[in-house]
Amino acid sequence: MLFPLGRIVATRGALRMLGAEGISPERLLHRHSQGDWGELGAEDAQANADALAVRGRLFSAYDIGPSKRIWVITEADRSLTTVLLPDEY
């Protein structure tokens, strides 16, 4: 684990989508905490690398099916990690 996740919360929409695809939230949280940011572009991946160094906000995006994406966001102070759908942001 590269950083603490703090309190973990997930939206109903994200949990519903993950359940429908047979994917556990824990799997995505593990990837996120290991620095596997999923399907991010180079600029966003670099922002996460910078955020690790200065305790900034961390963001991951995982494609879990055709046209289905889940975001995982850890707050800068590492007090909270949220699993959500992009349209719930």
PDB file of N, CA and C in Angstrom:
ATOM      1  N   MET A   1       0.850  -1.178   0.000  1.00  0.00           N
ATOM      2  CA  MET A   1       0.000   0.000   0.000  1.00  0.00           C
ATOM      3  C   MET A   1       0.894   1.238   0.000  1.00  0.00           C
ATOM      4  N   LEU A   2       0.657   2.109  -0.964  1.00  0.00           N
ATOM      5  CA  LEU A   2       1.467   3.328  -1.084  1.00  0.00           C
ATOM      6  C   LEU A   2       0.990   4.451  -0.177  1.00  0.00           C
ATOM      7  N   PHE A   3      -0.273   4.394   0.234  1.00  0.00           N
ATOM      8  CA  PHE A   3      -0.857   5.474   1.025  1.00  0.00           C
ATOM      9  C   PHE A   3      -2.078   4.916   1.751  1.00  0.00           C
ATOM     10  N   PRO A   4      -2.459   5.544   2.881  1.00  0.00           N
ATOM     11  CA  PRO A   4      -3.658   5.107   3.583  1.00  0.00           C
ATOM     12  C   PRO A   4      -4.919   5.553   2.844  1.00  0.00           C
ATOM     13  N   LEU A   5      -5.936   4.729   2.893  1.00  0.00           N
ATOM     14  CA  LEU A   5      -7.201   5.060   2.231  1.00  0.00           C
ATOM     15  C   LEU A   5      -8.147   5.836   3.130  1.00  0.00           C
ATOM     16  N   GLY A   6      -7.907   5.820   4.439  1.00  0.00           N
ATOM     17  CA  GLY A   6      -8.834   6.484   5.357  1.00  0.00           C
ATOM     18  C   GLY A   6     -10.162   5.743   5.386  1.00  0.00           C
ATOM     19  N   ARG A   7     -11.206   6.475   5.699  1.00  0.00           N
ATOM     20  CA  ARG A   7     -12.559   5.903   5.697  1.00  0.00           C
ATOM     21  C   ARG A   7     -12.961   5.632   4.246  1.00  0.00           C
ATOM     22  N   ILE A   8     -13.552   4.495   4.001  1.00  0.00           N
ATOM     23  CA  ILE A   8     -13.937   4.117   2.644  1.00  0.00           C
ATOM     24  C   ILE A   8     -15.452   4.178   2.523  1.00  0.00           C
ATOM     25  N   VAL A   9     -15.919   4.880   1.495  1.00  0.00           N
ATOM     26  CA  VAL A   9     -17.349   4.967   1.210  1.00  0.00           C
ATOM     27  C   VAL A   9     -17.553   4.692  -0.281  1.00  0.00           C
ATOM     28  N   ALA A  10     -18.761   4.250  -0.613  1.00  0.00           N
ATOM     29  CA  ALA A  10     -19.108   3.993  -2.010  1.00  0.00           C
ATOM     30  C   ALA A  10     -20.549   4.420  -2.232  1.00  0.00           C
ATOM     31  N   THR A  11     -20.800   4.946  -3.406  1.00  0.00           N
ATOM     32  CA  THR A  11     -22.164   5.352  -3.730  1.00  0.00           C
ATOM     33  C   THR A  11     -22.993   4.113  -4.086  1.00  0.00           C
ATOM     34  N   ARG A  12     -24.292   4.255  -3.965  1.00  0.00           N
ATOM     35  CA  ARG A  12     -25.181   3.146  -4.339  1.00  0.00           C
ATOM     36  C   ARG A  12     -25.019   2.779  -5.799  1.00  0.00           C
ATOM     37  N   GLY A  13     -24.897   3.793  -6.653  1.00  0.00           N
ATOM     38  CA  GLY A  13     -24.735   3.540  -8.082  1.00  0.00           C
ATOM     39  C   GLY A  13     -23.484   2.734  -8.385  1.00  0.00           C
ATOM     40  N   ALA A  14     -22.383   3.074  -7.742  1.00  0.00           N
ATOM     41  CA  ALA A  14     -21.133   2.345  -7.960  1.00  0.00           C
ATOM     42  C   ALA A  14     -21.259   0.906  -7.466  1.00  0.00           C
ATOM     43  N   LEU A  15     -21.833   0.724  -6.293  1.00  0.00           N
ATOM     44  CA  LEU A  15     -22.006  -0.625  -5.762  1.00  0.00           C
ATOM     45  C   LEU A  15     -22.924  -1.462  -6.644  1.00  0.00           C
ATOM     46  N   ARG A  16     -23.970  -0.839  -7.146  1.00  0.00           N
ATOM     47  CA  ARG A  16     -24.904  -1.543  -8.030  1.00  0.00           C
ATOM     48  C   ARG A  16     -24.189  -1.983  -9.318  1.00  0.00           C
ATOM     49  N   MET A  17     -23.418  -1.079  -9.920  1.00  0.00           N
ATOM     50  CA  MET A  17     -22.717  -1.410 -11.148  1.00  0.00           C
ATOM     51  C   MET A  17     -21.661  -2.489 -10.918  1.00  0.00           C
ATOM     52  N   LEU A  18     -20.890  -2.352  -9.854  1.00  0.00           N
ATOM     53  CA  LEU A  18     -19.878  -3.361  -9.548  1.00  0.00           C
ATOM     54  C   LEU A  18     -20.516  -4.727  -9.321  1.00  0.00           C
ATOM     55  N   GLY A  19     -21.623  -4.758  -8.579  1.00  0.00           N
ATOM     56  CA  GLY A  19     -22.320  -6.013  -8.327  1.00  0.00           C
ATOM     57  C   GLY A  19     -22.814  -6.652  -9.607  1.00  0.00           C
ATOM     58  N   ALA A  20     -23.347  -5.840 -10.498  1.00  0.00           N
ATOM     59  CA  ALA A  20     -23.861  -6.357 -11.771  1.00  0.00           C
ATOM     60  C   ALA A  20     -22.737  -6.946 -12.624  1.00  0.00           C
ATOM     61  N   GLU A  21     -21.531  -6.420 -12.479  1.00  0.00           N
ATOM     62  CA  GLU A  21     -20.383  -6.906 -13.253  1.00  0.00           C
ATOM     63  C   GLU A  21     -19.589  -7.978 -12.506  1.00  0.00           C
ATOM     64  N   GLY A  22     -19.992  -8.285 -11.260  1.00  0.00           N
ATOM     65  CA  GLY A  22     -19.288  -9.302 -10.481  1.00  0.00           C
ATOM     66  C   GLY A  22     -17.906  -8.883 -10.029  1.00  0.00           C
ATOM     67  N   ILE A  23     -17.736  -7.596  -9.777  1.00  0.00           N
ATOM     68  CA  ILE A  23     -16.442  -7.055  -9.343  1.00  0.00           C
ATOM     69  C   ILE A  23     -16.576  -6.515  -7.932  1.00  0.00           C
ATOM     70  N   SER A  24     -15.668  -6.902  -7.060  1.00  0.00           N
ATOM     71  CA  SER A  24     -15.722  -6.412  -5.684  1.00  0.00           C
ATOM     72  C   SER A  24     -15.065  -5.033  -5.592  1.00  0.00           C
ATOM     73  N   PRO A  25     -15.638  -4.148  -4.791  1.00  0.00           N
ATOM     74  CA  PRO A  25     -14.998  -2.839  -4.587  1.00  0.00           C
ATOM     75  C   PRO A  25     -13.587  -2.997  -4.018  1.00  0.00           C
ATOM     76  N   GLU A  26     -13.386  -4.029  -3.211  1.00  0.00           N
ATOM     77  CA  GLU A  26     -12.078  -4.258  -2.606  1.00  0.00           C
ATOM     78  C   GLU A  26     -10.992  -4.441  -3.670  1.00  0.00           C
ATOM     79  N   ARG A  27     -11.344  -5.082  -4.774  1.00  0.00           N
ATOM     80  CA  ARG A  27     -10.372  -5.283  -5.862  1.00  0.00           C
ATOM     81  C   ARG A  27      -9.893  -3.944  -6.416  1.00  0.00           C
ATOM     82  N   LEU A  28     -10.827  -3.037  -6.655  1.00  0.00           N
ATOM     83  CA  LEU A  28     -10.448  -1.722  -7.177  1.00  0.00           C
ATOM     84  C   LEU A  28      -9.707  -0.897  -6.131  1.00  0.00           C
ATOM     85  N   LEU A  29     -10.125  -0.991  -4.881  1.00  0.00           N
ATOM     86  CA  LEU A  29      -9.432  -0.269  -3.812  1.00  0.00           C
ATOM     87  C   LEU A  29      -7.993  -0.759  -3.672  1.00  0.00           C
ATOM     88  N   HIS A  30      -7.791  -2.056  -3.812  1.00  0.00           N
ATOM     89  CA  HIS A  30      -6.434  -2.608  -3.748  1.00  0.00           C
ATOM     90  C   HIS A  30      -5.586  -2.049  -4.895  1.00  0.00           C
ATOM     91  N   ARG A  31      -6.121  -2.076  -6.108  1.00  0.00           N
ATOM     92  CA  ARG A  31      -5.384  -1.535  -7.251  1.00  0.00           C
ATOM     93  C   ARG A  31      -5.031  -0.069  -7.018  1.00  0.00           C
ATOM     94  N   HIS A  32      -6.011   0.699  -6.571  1.00  0.00           N
ATOM     95  CA  HIS A  32      -5.822   2.129  -6.303  1.00  0.00           C
ATOM     96  C   HIS A  32      -4.710   2.341  -5.276  1.00  0.00           C
ATOM     97  N   SER A  33      -4.762   1.603  -4.175  1.00  0.00           N
ATOM     98  CA  SER A  33      -3.784   1.787  -3.091  1.00  0.00           C
ATOM     99  C   SER A  33      -2.377   1.350  -3.488  1.00  0.00           C
ATOM    100  N   GLN A  34      -2.262   0.548  -4.560  1.00  0.00           N
ATOM    101  CA  GLN A  34      -0.954   0.099  -5.046  1.00  0.00           C
ATOM    102  C   GLN A  34      -0.390   1.004  -6.138  1.00  0.00           C
ATOM    103  N   GLY A  35      -1.149   2.034  -6.507  1.00  0.00           N
ATOM    104  CA  GLY A  35      -0.678   2.945  -7.539  1.00  0.00           C
ATOM    105  C   GLY A  35      -1.031   2.501  -8.945  1.00  0.00           C
ATOM    106  N   ASP A  36      -1.936   1.553  -9.068  1.00  0.00           N
ATOM    107  CA  ASP A  36      -2.475   1.168 -10.374  1.00  0.00           C
ATOM    108  C   ASP A  36      -3.681   2.062 -10.603  1.00  0.00           C
ATOM    109  N   TRP A  37      -3.507   3.113 -11.361  1.00  0.00           N
ATOM    110  CA  TRP A  37      -4.536   4.139 -11.516  1.00  0.00           C
ATOM    111  C   TRP A  37      -5.563   3.787 -12.579  1.00  0.00           C
ATOM    112  N   GLY A  38      -5.441   2.627 -13.194  1.00  0.00           N
ATOM    113  CA  GLY A  38      -6.423   2.211 -14.193  1.00  0.00           C
ATOM    114  C   GLY A  38      -6.207   2.914 -15.513  1.00  0.00           C
ATOM    115  N   GLU A  39      -7.303   3.347 -16.092  1.00  0.00           N
ATOM    116  CA  GLU A  39      -7.285   3.930 -17.435  1.00  0.00           C
ATOM    117  C   GLU A  39      -7.165   5.448 -17.381  1.00  0.00           C
ATOM    118  N   LEU A  40      -6.016   5.919 -16.934  1.00  0.00           N
ATOM    119  CA  LEU A  40      -5.750   7.363 -16.906  1.00  0.00           C
ATOM    120  C   LEU A  40      -4.771   7.717 -18.001  1.00  0.00           C
ATOM    121  N   GLY A  41      -4.903   8.920 -18.504  1.00  0.00           N
ATOM    122  CA  GLY A  41      -3.927   9.437 -19.442  1.00  0.00           C
ATOM    123  C   GLY A  41      -2.634   9.797 -18.720  1.00  0.00           C
ATOM    124  N   ALA A  42      -1.619  10.084 -19.494  1.00  0.00           N
ATOM    125  CA  ALA A  42      -0.300  10.386 -18.938  1.00  0.00           C
ATOM    126  C   ALA A  42      -0.331  11.595 -18.001  1.00  0.00           C
ATOM    127  N   GLU A  43      -1.101  12.605 -18.362  1.00  0.00           N
ATOM    128  CA  GLU A  43      -1.165  13.819 -17.540  1.00  0.00           C
ATOM    129  C   GLU A  43      -1.774  13.537 -16.165  1.00  0.00           C
ATOM    130  N   ASP A  44      -2.872  12.778 -16.135  1.00  0.00           N
ATOM    131  CA  ASP A  44      -3.506  12.438 -14.849  1.00  0.00           C
ATOM    132  C   ASP A  44      -2.627  11.496 -14.032  1.00  0.00           C
ATOM    133  N   ALA A  45      -1.955  10.558 -14.692  1.00  0.00           N
ATOM    134  CA  ALA A  45      -1.049   9.655 -13.976  1.00  0.00           C
ATOM    135  C   ALA A  45       0.099  10.450 -13.345  1.00  0.00           C
ATOM    136  N   GLN A  46       0.609  11.440 -14.072  1.00  0.00           N
ATOM    137  CA  GLN A  46       1.675  12.278 -13.524  1.00  0.00           C
ATOM    138  C   GLN A  46       1.157  13.107 -12.359  1.00  0.00           C
ATOM    139  N   ALA A  47      -0.083  13.581 -12.459  1.00  0.00           N
ATOM    140  CA  ALA A  47      -0.680  14.334 -11.341  1.00  0.00           C
ATOM    141  C   ALA A  47      -0.740  13.461 -10.088  1.00  0.00           C
ATOM    142  N   ASN A  48      -1.061  12.178 -10.255  1.00  0.00           N
ATOM    143  CA  ASN A  48      -1.072  11.276  -9.103  1.00  0.00           C
ATOM    144  C   ASN A  48       0.325  11.072  -8.542  1.00  0.00           C
ATOM    145  N   ALA A  49       1.328  10.925  -9.421  1.00  0.00           N
ATOM    146  CA  ALA A  49       2.706  10.784  -8.949  1.00  0.00           C
ATOM    147  C   ALA A  49       3.111  12.004  -8.135  1.00  0.00           C
ATOM    148  N   ASP A  50       2.760  13.174  -8.626  1.00  0.00           N
ATOM    149  CA  ASP A  50       3.047  14.411  -7.890  1.00  0.00           C
ATOM    150  C   ASP A  50       2.283  14.444  -6.573  1.00  0.00           C
ATOM    151  N   ALA A  51       1.025  14.007  -6.592  1.00  0.00           N
ATOM    152  CA  ALA A  51       0.181  14.024  -5.385  1.00  0.00           C
ATOM    153  C   ALA A  51       0.719  13.083  -4.314  1.00  0.00           C
ATOM    154  N   LEU A  52       1.335  11.984  -4.725  1.00  0.00           N
ATOM    155  CA  LEU A  52       1.946  11.088  -3.736  1.00  0.00           C
ATOM    156  C   LEU A  52       3.063  11.797  -2.988  1.00  0.00           C
ATOM    157  N   ALA A  53       3.814  12.627  -3.691  1.00  0.00           N
ATOM    158  CA  ALA A  53       4.953  13.316  -3.088  1.00  0.00           C
ATOM    159  C   ALA A  53       4.534  14.457  -2.169  1.00  0.00           C
ATOM    160  N   VAL A  54       3.422  15.109  -2.495  1.00  0.00           N
ATOM    161  CA  VAL A  54       3.020  16.294  -1.726  1.00  0.00           C
ATOM    162  C   VAL A  54       1.681  16.128  -1.006  1.00  0.00           C
ATOM    163  N   ARG A  55       1.221  14.881  -0.903  1.00  0.00           N
ATOM    164  CA  ARG A  55      -0.051  14.565  -0.241  1.00  0.00           C
ATOM    165  C   ARG A  55      -1.228  15.305  -0.879  1.00  0.00           C
ATOM    166  N   GLY A  56      -1.326  15.190  -2.182  1.00  0.00           N
ATOM    167  CA  GLY A  56      -2.464  15.736  -2.905  1.00  0.00           C
ATOM    168  C   GLY A  56      -3.539  14.685  -3.101  1.00  0.00           C
ATOM    169  N   ARG A  57      -4.611  15.078  -3.737  1.00  0.00           N
ATOM    170  CA  ARG A  57      -5.723  14.180  -4.030  1.00  0.00           C
ATOM    171  C   ARG A  57      -5.296  13.140  -5.066  1.00  0.00           C
ATOM    172  N   LEU A  58      -5.736  11.887  -4.876  1.00  0.00           N
ATOM    173  CA  LEU A  58      -5.400  10.783  -5.779  1.00  0.00           C
ATOM    174  C   LEU A  58      -6.653  10.291  -6.477  1.00  0.00           C
ATOM    175  N   PHE A  59      -6.515  10.013  -7.767  1.00  0.00           N
ATOM    176  CA  PHE A  59      -7.665   9.680  -8.599  1.00  0.00           C
ATOM    177  C   PHE A  59      -7.353   8.477  -9.474  1.00  0.00           C
ATOM    178  N   SER A  60      -8.271   7.519  -9.529  1.00  0.00           N
ATOM    179  CA  SER A  60      -8.170   6.366 -10.427  1.00  0.00           C
ATOM    180  C   SER A  60      -9.465   6.226 -11.201  1.00  0.00           C
ATOM    181  N   ALA A  61      -9.371   5.653 -12.381  1.00  0.00           N
ATOM    182  CA  ALA A  61     -10.543   5.385 -13.217  1.00  0.00           C
ATOM    183  C   ALA A  61     -10.399   3.981 -13.790  1.00  0.00           C
ATOM    184  N   TYR A  62     -11.409   3.159 -13.581  1.00  0.00           N
ATOM    185  CA  TYR A  62     -11.365   1.766 -14.017  1.00  0.00           C
ATOM    186  C   TYR A  62     -12.541   1.468 -14.931  1.00  0.00           C
ATOM    187  N   ASP A  63     -12.232   0.978 -16.116  1.00  0.00           N
ATOM    188  CA  ASP A  63     -13.278   0.508 -17.024  1.00  0.00           C
ATOM    189  C   ASP A  63     -13.652  -0.900 -16.587  1.00  0.00           C
ATOM    190  N   ILE A  64     -14.933  -1.103 -16.300  1.00  0.00           N
ATOM    191  CA  ILE A  64     -15.355  -2.419 -15.804  1.00  0.00           C
ATOM    192  C   ILE A  64     -16.307  -3.126 -16.756  1.00  0.00           C
ATOM    193  N   GLY A  65     -16.565  -2.536 -17.865  1.00  0.00           N
ATOM    194  CA  GLY A  65     -17.424  -3.128 -18.874  1.00  0.00           C
ATOM    195  C   GLY A  65     -17.572  -2.139 -20.009  1.00  0.00           C
ATOM    196  N   PRO A  66     -18.225  -2.547 -21.076  1.00  0.00           N
ATOM    197  CA  PRO A  66     -18.429  -1.612 -22.188  1.00  0.00           C
ATOM    198  C   PRO A  66     -19.156  -0.343 -21.719  1.00  0.00           C
ATOM    199  N   SER A  67     -18.508   0.781 -21.909  1.00  0.00           N
ATOM    200  CA  SER A  67     -19.089   2.082 -21.525  1.00  0.00           C
ATOM    201  C   SER A  67     -19.422   2.164 -20.047  1.00  0.00           C
ATOM    202  N   LYS A  68     -18.681   1.422 -19.209  1.00  0.00           N
ATOM    203  CA  LYS A  68     -18.902   1.459 -17.761  1.00  0.00           C
ATOM    204  C   LYS A  68     -17.577   1.772 -17.071  1.00  0.00           C
ATOM    205  N   ARG A  69     -17.595   2.832 -16.298  1.00  0.00           N
ATOM    206  CA  ARG A  69     -16.380   3.287 -15.624  1.00  0.00           C
ATOM    207  C   ARG A  69     -16.687   3.582 -14.162  1.00  0.00           C
ATOM    208  N   ILE A  70     -15.727   3.261 -13.311  1.00  0.00           N
ATOM    209  CA  ILE A  70     -15.789   3.552 -11.879  1.00  0.00           C
ATOM    210  C   ILE A  70     -14.606   4.441 -11.529  1.00  0.00           C
ATOM    211  N   TRP A  71     -14.859   5.447 -10.720  1.00  0.00           N
ATOM    212  CA  TRP A  71     -13.786   6.287 -10.207  1.00  0.00           C
ATOM    213  C   TRP A  71     -13.521   5.940  -8.748  1.00  0.00           C
ATOM    214  N   VAL A  72     -12.260   6.080  -8.339  1.00  0.00           N
ATOM    215  CA  VAL A  72     -11.858   5.976  -6.937  1.00  0.00           C
ATOM    216  C   VAL A  72     -11.040   7.224  -6.641  1.00  0.00           C
ATOM    217  N   ILE A  73     -11.447   7.947  -5.602  1.00  0.00           N
ATOM    218  CA  ILE A  73     -10.782   9.201  -5.248  1.00  0.00           C
ATOM    219  C   ILE A  73     -10.409   9.169  -3.765  1.00  0.00           C
ATOM    220  N   THR A  74      -9.138   9.417  -3.481  1.00  0.00           N
ATOM    221  CA  THR A  74      -8.678   9.561  -2.098  1.00  0.00           C
ATOM    222  C   THR A  74      -8.362  11.031  -1.866  1.00  0.00           C
ATOM    223  N   GLU A  75      -8.939  11.573  -0.817  1.00  0.00           N
ATOM    224  CA  GLU A  75      -8.739  12.989  -0.495  1.00  0.00           C
ATOM    225  C   GLU A  75      -7.285  13.268  -0.114  1.00  0.00           C
ATOM    226  N   ALA A  76      -6.871  14.505  -0.278  1.00  0.00           N
ATOM    227  CA  ALA A  76      -5.490  14.904  -0.038  1.00  0.00           C
ATOM    228  C   ALA A  76      -5.014  14.575   1.372  1.00  0.00           C
ATOM    229  N   ASP A  77      -5.891  14.718   2.355  1.00  0.00           N
ATOM    230  CA  ASP A  77      -5.475  14.442   3.736  1.00  0.00           C
ATOM    231  C   ASP A  77      -5.551  12.958   4.087  1.00  0.00           C
ATOM    232  N   ARG A  78      -5.932  12.127   3.112  1.00  0.00           N
ATOM    233  CA  ARG A  78      -6.018  10.666   3.251  1.00  0.00           C
ATOM    234  C   ARG A  78      -7.066  10.223   4.275  1.00  0.00           C
ATOM    235  N   SER A  79      -8.008  11.095   4.549  1.00  0.00           N
ATOM    236  CA  SER A  79      -9.057  10.764   5.522  1.00  0.00           C
ATOM    237  C   SER A  79     -10.212   9.989   4.911  1.00  0.00           C
ATOM    238  N   LEU A  80     -10.360  10.040   3.576  1.00  0.00           N
ATOM    239  CA  LEU A  80     -11.529   9.470   2.929  1.00  0.00           C
ATOM    240  C   LEU A  80     -11.191   9.008   1.518  1.00  0.00           C
ATOM    241  N   THR A  81     -11.694   7.831   1.164  1.00  0.00           N
ATOM    242  CA  THR A  81     -11.621   7.334  -0.207  1.00  0.00           C
ATOM    243  C   THR A  81     -13.048   7.011  -0.642  1.00  0.00           C
ATOM    244  N   THR A  82     -13.425   7.494  -1.820  1.00  0.00           N
ATOM    245  CA  THR A  82     -14.778   7.313  -2.340  1.00  0.00           C
ATOM    246  C   THR A  82     -14.732   6.536  -3.638  1.00  0.00           C
ATOM    247  N   VAL A  83     -15.629   5.549  -3.740  1.00  0.00           N
ATOM    248  CA  VAL A  83     -15.829   4.781  -4.970  1.00  0.00           C
ATOM    249  C   VAL A  83     -17.148   5.290  -5.559  1.00  0.00           C
ATOM    250  N   LEU A  84     -17.115   5.772  -6.808  1.00  0.00           N
ATOM    251  CA  LEU A  84     -18.317   6.390  -7.382  1.00  0.00           C
ATOM    252  C   LEU A  84     -18.326   6.277  -8.890  1.00  0.00           C
ATOM    253  N   LEU A  85     -19.468   6.573  -9.453  1.00  0.00           N
ATOM    254  CA  LEU A  85     -19.610   6.685 -10.907  1.00  0.00           C
ATOM    255  C   LEU A  85     -19.227   8.103 -11.327  1.00  0.00           C
ATOM    256  N   PRO A  86     -18.685   8.277 -12.525  1.00  0.00           N
ATOM    257  CA  PRO A  86     -18.310   9.624 -12.957  1.00  0.00           C
ATOM    258  C   PRO A  86     -19.455  10.628 -12.890  1.00  0.00           C
ATOM    259  N   ASP A  87     -20.663  10.216 -13.205  1.00  0.00           N
ATOM    260  CA  ASP A  87     -21.774  11.181 -13.174  1.00  0.00           C
ATOM    261  C   ASP A  87     -22.270  11.480 -11.765  1.00  0.00           C
ATOM    262  N   GLU A  88     -21.686  10.820 -10.774  1.00  0.00           N
ATOM    263  CA  GLU A  88     -22.035  11.113  -9.371  1.00  0.00           C
ATOM    264  C   GLU A  88     -21.067  12.101  -8.739  1.00  0.00           C
ATOM    265  N   TYR A  89     -20.076  12.535  -9.477  1.00  0.00           N
ATOM    266  CA  TYR A  89     -19.055  13.442  -8.930  1.00  0.00           C
ATOM    267  C   TYR A  89     -19.623  14.829  -8.755  1.00  0.00           C
TER     268      TYR A  89
END
